[in-house]
Amino acid sequence: MRKLFVSNLVSLDGYIAGPNREIDWHNVDGEYEAYGVQMMNACGAILFGRITYDLMAGYWPTATDNNPEVTRQMNVLEKYVFSNTLQSADWQNAHVVNEPMGPFVQRLKEEEGADIVILGSGTIVSQLTELRLIDEYRIFTVPVLLGGGIPAFPPSFKRAGLELVSSREFSEGNVLNTYWVK
């Protein structure tokens, strides 16, 4: 059975993007990049919501300013995009999913293969958390206060208990906390 985990950067005040969806505050250095290579090499698939997919599909197919291994993995891994409006996905190995998310993700998790990651995609993270389908949260706290933006979880979100299993401070100030679901 495959594990489903989230790997996201979050501001100290709880936002995954600024008020205009900006992510220029992400603190991405060589140490974070090394984490990204290791993480992507251990994954077999990526889940996206439509907005995050659009952003990623507009960048990664022609990216030249990132680690080549991360770029390769972002392009070759299977990608599943949850959308009610997207008709097709042009990015390599991307598939639009317009069936109920819960049963689809449960089937993916039951398949043989490497783990599945969610990058960004706050709406599907919230929905899959409420369905108790996420096994692990890898949350990078970035040392910045945004004062507003897109929250990691909406105000209507119902509480979910987590257990801290590891914490790692990165040299440029990011802190990676890894949590399991209780």
Foldseek 3Di string as FASTA:
>chain_A
DAAEEEAAEAEPVFARAAAVRHDPLDDDDPVNLVVLLVVLVQAQEEEAEPVVLVVCQVELVPDDPGDVSNSVSSQAHAYEYEDPPDDADDGHNYDYDDDDPPVVLVVVRPDDDGHYYYYPHLVVVLVVVVVVRHFKYWYKHRHDDRPHHHGSHDPVGDDFDWDWDDWDADPVGIIITMIGGD
